[in-house]
Amino acid sequence: MDEQLKKVDHTALVINQLTVIVLNMLAFILDQPWLALFVGLALLAGTIIGKPGFAFLYRFIFKPLGIAKPHVLADNPEPHQFAQGFGSVVMLTGAAFLSGGFDIAGWGLVWLVIALAALNVFAGFCVGCFVYYWLTRLKAPGFSKSPPEGAYPGRRPKGADDES
């Protein structure tokens, strides 16, 4: 297995997840399925380019204004990208259900994403990352990274900030 860790800014991940939570809650409260579709497309785009879907908010607003500071850790970006990609599939499926008039199923999937993002932000546990690492353990094709040394699968790795 390739154990070469990269620098991952966990603040960018948290801002992404908080944005997902807020936009999805607004979509539900305002009954705007197009907003749920937008979130799903942003997550898909982020997965394709290998960055958090709402990284631009962190990079151009929160970080320059000093609202959020980098928290860079030695980590594997692949589990986070997998989690975001899986989130995009769930969101896009939810948006499809909503457009087809299956509101309970559609909003249920949107709320599932809200709950999983909240679990990650507030408890530090990423279900998508956990699944990625278990797929690695099961030797599934395309899954090759192990958790950083001393990190439980799905939990944020321990480490000093590296703001460079």
C-alpha atoms as a PDB file:
ATOM      1  CA  MET A   1       0.000   0.000   0.000  1.00  0.00           C
ATOM      2  CA  ASP A   2       1.099   3.532  -0.725  1.00  0.00           C
ATOM      3  CA  GLU A   3       1.510   5.187   2.679  1.00  0.00           C
ATOM      4  CA  GLN A   4       2.730   8.584   1.455  1.00  0.00           C
ATOM      5  CA  LEU A   5       0.665  11.209   3.270  1.00  0.00           C
ATOM      6  CA  LYS A   6      -0.076  14.639   1.842  1.00  0.00           C
ATOM      7  CA  LYS A   7      -0.979  17.931   3.459  1.00  0.00           C
ATOM      8  CA  VAL A   8      -4.740  18.258   3.892  1.00  0.00           C
ATOM      9  CA  ASP A   9      -6.286  21.477   5.221  1.00  0.00           C
ATOM     10  CA  HIS A  10      -9.037  20.219   7.515  1.00  0.00           C
ATOM     11  CA  THR A  11     -10.450  23.725   7.897  1.00  0.00           C
ATOM     12  CA  ALA A  12     -11.322  23.677   4.178  1.00  0.00           C
ATOM     13  CA  LEU A  13     -13.113  20.363   4.749  1.00  0.00           C
ATOM     14  CA  VAL A  14     -15.058  21.765   7.713  1.00  0.00           C
ATOM     15  CA  ILE A  15     -16.085  24.915   5.806  1.00  0.00           C
ATOM     16  CA  ASN A  16     -17.249  22.665   2.955  1.00  0.00           C
ATOM     17  CA  GLN A  17     -19.337  20.531   5.316  1.00  0.00           C
ATOM     18  CA  LEU A  18     -20.806  23.532   7.130  1.00  0.00           C
ATOM     19  CA  THR A  19     -21.809  24.988   3.759  1.00  0.00           C
ATOM     20  CA  VAL A  20     -23.468  21.691   2.812  1.00  0.00           C
ATOM     21  CA  ILE A  21     -25.376  21.685   6.099  1.00  0.00           C
ATOM     22  CA  VAL A  22     -26.554  25.307   5.791  1.00  0.00           C
ATOM     23  CA  LEU A  23     -27.537  25.113   2.113  1.00  0.00           C
ATOM     24  CA  ASN A  24     -29.372  21.817   2.569  1.00  0.00           C
ATOM     25  CA  MET A  25     -31.260  23.114   5.583  1.00  0.00           C
ATOM     26  CA  LEU A  26     -32.224  26.218   3.593  1.00  0.00           C
ATOM     27  CA  ALA A  27     -33.305  24.009   0.691  1.00  0.00           C
ATOM     28  CA  PHE A  28     -35.586  22.072   3.040  1.00  0.00           C
ATOM     29  CA  ILE A  29     -36.952  25.055   4.990  1.00  0.00           C
ATOM     30  CA  LEU A  30     -37.631  27.060   1.826  1.00  0.00           C
ATOM     31  CA  ASP A  31     -38.761  23.947  -0.093  1.00  0.00           C
ATOM     32  CA  GLN A  32     -36.273  24.616  -2.890  1.00  0.00           C
ATOM     33  CA  PRO A  33     -35.161  21.314  -4.454  1.00  0.00           C
ATOM     34  CA  TRP A  34     -32.961  23.199  -6.943  1.00  0.00           C
ATOM     35  CA  LEU A  35     -30.738  24.204  -4.011  1.00  0.00           C
ATOM     36  CA  ALA A  36     -30.277  20.541  -3.067  1.00  0.00           C
ATOM     37  CA  LEU A  37     -29.384  19.857  -6.707  1.00  0.00           C
ATOM     38  CA  PHE A  38     -26.862  22.724  -6.593  1.00  0.00           C
ATOM     39  CA  VAL A  39     -25.212  21.208  -3.500  1.00  0.00           C
ATOM     40  CA  GLY A  40     -25.015  17.813  -5.211  1.00  0.00           C
ATOM     41  CA  LEU A  41     -23.460  19.337  -8.327  1.00  0.00           C
ATOM     42  CA  ALA A  42     -20.954  21.354  -6.270  1.00  0.00           C
ATOM     43  CA  LEU A  43     -19.901  18.189  -4.433  1.00  0.00           C
ATOM     44  CA  LEU A  44     -19.598  16.324  -7.730  1.00  0.00           C
ATOM     45  CA  ALA A  45     -17.478  19.121  -9.247  1.00  0.00           C
ATOM     46  CA  GLY A  46     -15.262  19.162  -6.161  1.00  0.00           C
ATOM     47  CA  THR A  47     -14.800  15.413  -6.351  1.00  0.00           C
ATOM     48  CA  ILE A  48     -13.805  15.627 -10.002  1.00  0.00           C
ATOM     49  CA  ILE A  49     -11.223  18.377  -9.404  1.00  0.00           C
ATOM     50  CA  GLY A  50     -10.015  16.862  -6.124  1.00  0.00           C
ATOM     51  CA  LYS A  51     -10.984  19.750  -3.832  1.00  0.00           C
ATOM     52  CA  PRO A  52     -13.861  20.413  -1.460  1.00  0.00           C
ATOM     53  CA  GLY A  53     -16.863  21.545  -3.515  1.00  0.00           C
ATOM     54  CA  PHE A  54     -17.172  24.820  -1.626  1.00  0.00           C
ATOM     55  CA  ALA A  55     -13.422  25.399  -1.191  1.00  0.00           C
ATOM     56  CA  PHE A  56     -13.765  28.735  -2.976  1.00  0.00           C
ATOM     57  CA  LEU A  57     -15.699  30.121   0.020  1.00  0.00           C
ATOM     58  CA  TYR A  58     -12.842  29.191   2.327  1.00  0.00           C
ATOM     59  CA  ARG A  59     -10.142  30.411  -0.028  1.00  0.00           C
ATOM     60  CA  PHE A  60     -11.703  33.718  -1.067  1.00  0.00           C
ATOM     61  CA  ILE A  61     -13.847  34.692   1.936  1.00  0.00           C
ATOM     62  CA  PHE A  62     -13.263  32.895   5.239  1.00  0.00           C
ATOM     63  CA  LYS A  63      -9.465  32.588   5.099  1.00  0.00           C
ATOM     64  CA  PRO A  64      -8.662  36.113   3.788  1.00  0.00           C
ATOM     65  CA  LEU A  65     -11.028  37.715   6.310  1.00  0.00           C
ATOM     66  CA  GLY A  66      -9.391  35.736   9.121  1.00  0.00           C
ATOM     67  CA  ILE A  67     -12.667  34.006   9.988  1.00  0.00           C
ATOM     68  CA  ALA A  68     -11.061  30.583   9.506  1.00  0.00           C
ATOM     69  CA  LYS A  69      -7.424  29.610   9.906  1.00  0.00           C
ATOM     70  CA  PRO A  70      -5.707  26.693   8.174  1.00  0.00           C
ATOM     71  CA  HIS A  71      -5.454  23.421  10.062  1.00  0.00           C
ATOM     72  CA  VAL A  72      -3.146  21.422   7.831  1.00  0.00           C
ATOM     73  CA  LEU A  73      -2.460  17.821   8.788  1.00  0.00           C
ATOM     74  CA  ALA A  74      -0.563  14.939   7.241  1.00  0.00           C
ATOM     75  CA  ASP A  75      -3.435  12.891   5.844  1.00  0.00           C
ATOM     76  CA  ASN A  76      -4.763  11.027   2.820  1.00  0.00           C
ATOM     77  CA  PRO A  77      -6.963  13.204   0.587  1.00  0.00           C
ATOM     78  CA  GLU A  78      -8.495  10.157  -1.134  1.00  0.00           C
ATOM     79  CA  PRO A  79     -10.893   9.159   1.679  1.00  0.00           C
ATOM     80  CA  HIS A  80     -12.199  12.737   1.860  1.00  0.00           C
ATOM     81  CA  GLN A  81     -12.701  12.806  -1.914  1.00  0.00           C
ATOM     82  CA  PHE A  82     -14.470   9.446  -1.754  1.00  0.00           C
ATOM     83  CA  ALA A  83     -16.747  10.739   1.023  1.00  0.00           C
ATOM     84  CA  GLN A  84     -17.548  13.868  -0.977  1.00  0.00           C
ATOM     85  CA  GLY A  85     -18.203  11.814  -4.106  1.00  0.00           C
ATOM     86  CA  PHE A  86     -20.518   9.509  -2.217  1.00  0.00           C
ATOM     87  CA  GLY A  87     -22.264  12.568  -0.749  1.00  0.00           C
ATOM     88  CA  SER A  88     -22.752  13.937  -4.255  1.00  0.00           C
ATOM     89  CA  VAL A  89     -24.363  10.663  -5.373  1.00  0.00           C
ATOM     90  CA  VAL A  90     -26.734  10.745  -2.390  1.00  0.00           C
ATOM     91  CA  MET A  91     -27.552  14.433  -2.994  1.00  0.00           C
ATOM     92  CA  LEU A  92     -28.133  13.961  -6.730  1.00  0.00           C
ATOM     93  CA  THR A  93     -30.324  10.927  -6.030  1.00  0.00           C
ATOM     94  CA  GLY A  94     -32.270  12.992  -3.508  1.00  0.00           C
ATOM     95  CA  ALA A  95     -32.663  15.814  -6.035  1.00  0.00           C
ATOM     96  CA  ALA A  96     -33.901  13.308  -8.626  1.00  0.00           C
ATOM     97  CA  PHE A  97     -36.478  11.969  -6.169  1.00  0.00           C
ATOM     98  CA  LEU A  98     -37.588  15.522  -5.388  1.00  0.00           C
ATOM     99  CA  SER A  99     -37.968  16.360  -9.079  1.00  0.00           C
ATOM    100  CA  GLY A 100     -40.003  13.169  -9.539  1.00  0.00           C
ATOM    101  CA  GLY A 101     -42.406  14.097  -6.740  1.00  0.00           C
ATOM    102  CA  PHE A 102     -41.018  11.624  -4.200  1.00  0.00           C
ATOM    103  CA  ASP A 103     -40.580  14.258  -1.516  1.00  0.00           C
ATOM    104  CA  ILE A 104     -40.185  11.986   1.508  1.00  0.00           C
ATOM    105  CA  ALA A 105     -37.406   9.955  -0.122  1.00  0.00           C
ATOM    106  CA  GLY A 106     -35.759  13.064  -1.589  1.00  0.00           C
ATOM    107  CA  TRP A 107     -35.739  15.121   1.591  1.00  0.00           C
ATOM    108  CA  GLY A 108     -34.782  12.000   3.555  1.00  0.00           C
ATOM    109  CA  LEU A 109     -31.590  11.694   1.502  1.00  0.00           C
ATOM    110  CA  VAL A 110     -30.886  15.412   1.896  1.00  0.00           C
ATOM    111  CA  TRP A 111     -31.259  15.069   5.679  1.00  0.00           C
ATOM    112  CA  LEU A 112     -29.003  12.007   5.634  1.00  0.00           C
ATOM    113  CA  VAL A 113     -26.257  14.155   4.110  1.00  0.00           C
ATOM    114  CA  ILE A 114     -26.930  16.896   6.684  1.00  0.00           C
ATOM    115  CA  ALA A 115     -26.624  14.357   9.514  1.00  0.00           C
ATOM    116  CA  LEU A 116     -23.406  12.818   8.187  1.00  0.00           C
ATOM    117  CA  ALA A 117     -21.817  16.233   7.567  1.00  0.00           C
ATOM    118  CA  ALA A 118     -22.808  17.303  11.092  1.00  0.00           C
ATOM    119  CA  LEU A 119     -21.307  14.117  12.542  1.00  0.00           C
ATOM    120  CA  ASN A 120     -18.057  14.986  10.803  1.00  0.00           C
ATOM    121  CA  VAL A 121     -18.026  18.673  11.786  1.00  0.00           C
ATOM    122  CA  PHE A 122     -19.151  18.325  15.384  1.00  0.00           C
ATOM    123  CA  ALA A 123     -17.880  14.871  16.384  1.00  0.00           C
ATOM    124  CA  GLY A 124     -14.853  14.576  14.084  1.00  0.00           C
ATOM    125  CA  PHE A 125     -16.001  11.307  12.520  1.00  0.00           C
ATOM    126  CA  CYS A 126     -16.229  10.953   8.726  1.00  0.00           C
ATOM    127  CA  VAL A 127     -18.427   7.995   7.763  1.00  0.00           C
ATOM    128  CA  GLY A 128     -17.276   8.167   4.122  1.00  0.00           C
ATOM    129  CA  CYS A 129     -13.625   8.040   5.214  1.00  0.00           C
ATOM    130  CA  PHE A 130     -14.438   5.101   7.497  1.00  0.00           C
ATOM    131  CA  VAL A 131     -16.036   3.251   4.574  1.00  0.00           C
ATOM    132  CA  TYR A 132     -13.028   4.078   2.346  1.00  0.00           C
ATOM    133  CA  TYR A 133     -10.589   2.608   4.879  1.00  0.00           C
ATOM    134  CA  TRP A 134     -12.690  -0.517   5.311  1.00  0.00           C
ATOM    135  CA  LEU A 135     -12.791  -0.981   1.542  1.00  0.00           C
ATOM    136  CA  THR A 136      -8.982  -0.713   1.610  1.00  0.00           C
ATOM    137  CA  ARG A 137      -8.856  -3.342   4.323  1.00  0.00           C
ATOM    138  CA  LEU A 138     -11.080  -5.600   2.200  1.00  0.00           C
ATOM    139  CA  LYS A 139      -8.683  -5.020  -0.728  1.00  0.00           C
ATOM    140  CA  ALA A 140     -11.392  -3.531  -2.947  1.00  0.00           C
ATOM    141  CA  PRO A 141     -10.006  -2.354  -6.290  1.00  0.00           C
ATOM    142  CA  GLY A 142      -9.100   1.356  -6.293  1.00  0.00           C
ATOM    143  CA  PHE A 143      -8.844   1.601  -2.501  1.00  0.00           C
ATOM    144  CA  SER A 144      -5.253   1.564  -1.297  1.00  0.00           C
ATOM    145  CA  LYS A 145      -4.705   4.069   1.516  1.00  0.00           C
ATOM    146  CA  SER A 146      -4.557   3.184   5.192  1.00  0.00           C
ATOM    147  CA  PRO A 147      -5.337   5.641   7.990  1.00  0.00           C
ATOM    148  CA  PRO A 148      -2.417   7.779   9.144  1.00  0.00           C
ATOM    149  CA  GLU A 149      -0.344   6.284  11.951  1.00  0.00           C
ATOM    150  CA  GLY A 150      -2.273   6.353  15.220  1.00  0.00           C
ATOM    151  CA  ALA A 151      -5.552   7.488  13.632  1.00  0.00           C
ATOM    152  CA  TYR A 152      -8.738   5.461  13.940  1.00  0.00           C
ATOM    153  CA  PRO A 153     -10.393   4.973  10.504  1.00  0.00           C
ATOM    154  CA  GLY A 154     -12.777   7.877   9.964  1.00  0.00           C
ATOM    155  CA  ARG A 155     -11.348  10.075  12.737  1.00  0.00           C
ATOM    156  CA  ARG A 156      -9.258  13.171  12.108  1.00  0.00           C
ATOM    157  CA  PRO A 157      -5.553  12.399  12.368  1.00  0.00           C
ATOM    158  CA  LYS A 158      -3.615  13.918  15.226  1.00  0.00           C
ATOM    159  CA  GLY A 159      -0.886  16.371  14.300  1.00  0.00           C
ATOM    160  CA  ALA A 160       0.517  19.820  14.651  1.00  0.00           C
ATOM    161  CA  ASP A 161      -0.774  22.673  12.556  1.00  0.00           C
ATOM    162  CA  ASP A 162       1.284  23.476   9.497  1.00  0.00           C
ATOM    163  CA  GLU A 163       0.178  26.843   8.203  1.00  0.00           C
ATOM    164  CA  SER A 164       2.743  27.102   5.441  1.00  0.00           C
END
